[in-house]
């Protein structure tokens, strides 16, 4: 049993994976996926049901909506969307929102 003890140079798997993602520049992409997955929680079910596609490219959140009325309402609340997304990510992941 003594052979299975953790030594000082061992790290928890989560720390190793986090370092690996950061080293390969994938930590930001993982945060983008977390934000996309959390869209219904951040914006509510009404907005989530009207959202057909969500992507993040070049620090811009691209949203395809199936309702022109919802798209117009969200256009007026761009700063709130940016704030919620960045709070969820834990850093400034987006600077702008584009509606299509």
Protein backbone atom coordinates (compact mmCIF):
# COMPACT_ATOMS: atom_id res chain seq x y z
CA UNK A 1 0.00 0.00 0.00
CA UNK A 2 2.89 2.39 0.66
CA UNK A 3 3.75 2.40 -3.09
CA UNK A 4 0.48 4.22 -3.85
CA UNK A 5 1.16 7.31 -1.74
CA UNK A 6 1.25 10.65 -3.49
CA UNK A 7 4.67 12.24 -3.74
CA UNK A 8 5.47 15.96 -3.66
CA UNK A 9 5.88 16.23 -7.44
CA UNK A 10 2.42 14.84 -8.26
CA UNK A 11 -0.55 17.10 -9.03
CA UNK A 12 -4.30 16.54 -9.10
CA UNK A 13 -5.60 15.64 -12.58
CA UNK A 14 -7.68 18.84 -12.78
CA UNK A 15 -4.56 20.98 -12.32
CA UNK A 16 -2.68 19.00 -14.96
CA UNK A 17 -5.53 19.35 -17.47
CA UNK A 18 -5.89 23.10 -16.74
CA UNK A 19 -2.16 23.62 -17.32
CA UNK A 20 -2.28 21.58 -20.52
CA UNK A 21 -5.26 23.57 -21.88
CA UNK A 22 -3.52 26.84 -21.05
CA UNK A 23 -0.24 25.73 -22.60
CA UNK A 24 -1.97 24.90 -25.89
CA UNK A 25 -4.18 27.98 -25.83
CA UNK A 26 -7.38 25.99 -25.44
CA UNK A 27 -8.54 27.40 -22.10
CA UNK A 28 -10.31 30.31 -23.83
CA UNK A 29 -12.06 27.94 -26.24
CA UNK A 30 -13.30 25.86 -23.32
CA UNK A 31 -14.70 29.01 -21.69
CA UNK A 32 -16.48 29.85 -24.96
CA UNK A 33 -18.12 26.42 -24.93
CA UNK A 34 -19.12 26.89 -21.28
CA UNK A 35 -20.75 30.24 -22.15
CA UNK A 36 -22.65 28.75 -25.10
CA UNK A 37 -23.87 25.87 -22.96
CA UNK A 38 -25.02 28.30 -20.23
CA UNK A 39 -26.95 30.56 -22.67
CA UNK A 40 -30.43 29.46 -21.41
CA UNK A 41 -29.41 30.07 -17.78
CA UNK A 42 -27.96 33.51 -18.57
CA UNK A 43 -30.74 34.79 -20.81
CA UNK A 44 -33.81 32.77 -19.89
CA UNK A 45 -35.84 30.17 -21.73
CA UNK A 46 -37.75 32.63 -23.96
CA UNK A 47 -34.54 33.98 -25.48
CA UNK A 48 -32.94 30.52 -25.59
CA UNK A 49 -35.87 29.07 -27.56
CA UNK A 50 -35.63 31.87 -30.13
CA UNK A 51 -31.84 31.51 -30.50
CA UNK A 52 -30.94 29.21 -33.38
CA UNK A 53 -27.15 29.52 -33.42
CA UNK A 54 -24.51 30.88 -31.03
CA UNK A 55 -20.85 31.27 -31.92
CA UNK A 56 -17.93 33.30 -30.61
CA UNK A 57 -15.25 34.48 -33.03
CA UNK A 58 -12.69 37.23 -32.59
CA UNK A 59 -14.18 38.35 -29.29
CA UNK A 60 -17.62 38.83 -30.87
CA UNK A 61 -20.73 36.87 -29.91
CA UNK A 62 -22.75 35.99 -33.03
CA UNK A 63 -26.42 35.16 -32.48
CA UNK A 64 -28.89 33.90 -35.06
CA UNK A 65 -32.44 34.52 -33.91
CA UNK A 66 -35.67 33.20 -35.44
CA UNK A 67 -37.69 36.17 -34.19
CA UNK A 68 -37.16 39.68 -35.55
CA UNK A 69 -38.96 41.13 -32.53
CA UNK A 70 -36.65 39.30 -30.10
CA UNK A 71 -33.62 40.31 -32.18
CA UNK A 72 -34.68 43.98 -32.00
CA UNK A 73 -35.22 43.81 -28.23
CA UNK A 74 -31.85 42.17 -27.65
CA UNK A 75 -30.13 44.76 -29.84
CA UNK A 76 -31.09 47.39 -27.26
CA UNK A 77 -29.66 45.24 -24.46
CA UNK A 78 -26.26 44.44 -25.99
CA UNK A 79 -24.34 45.78 -22.99
CA UNK A 80 -26.30 43.55 -20.62
CA UNK A 81 -25.56 40.52 -22.81
CA UNK A 82 -21.85 41.39 -22.92
CA UNK A 83 -21.79 41.83 -19.15
CA UNK A 84 -23.55 38.50 -18.44
CA UNK A 85 -21.36 36.56 -20.85
CA UNK A 86 -18.15 38.03 -19.44
CA UNK A 87 -19.29 37.39 -15.85
CA UNK A 88 -20.02 33.76 -16.74
CA UNK A 89 -16.61 33.35 -18.39
CA UNK A 90 -14.77 35.04 -15.53
CA UNK A 91 -12.91 37.40 -17.85
CA UNK A 92 -13.60 39.66 -20.84
CA UNK A 93 -14.26 37.00 -23.45
CA UNK A 94 -16.38 39.19 -25.78
CA UNK A 95 -16.47 42.88 -26.68
CA UNK A 96 -19.41 42.96 -29.07
CA UNK A 97 -22.62 41.15 -30.07
CA UNK A 98 -23.80 40.71 -33.63
CA UNK A 99 -27.31 39.57 -34.53
CA UNK A 100 -28.15 37.68 -37.68
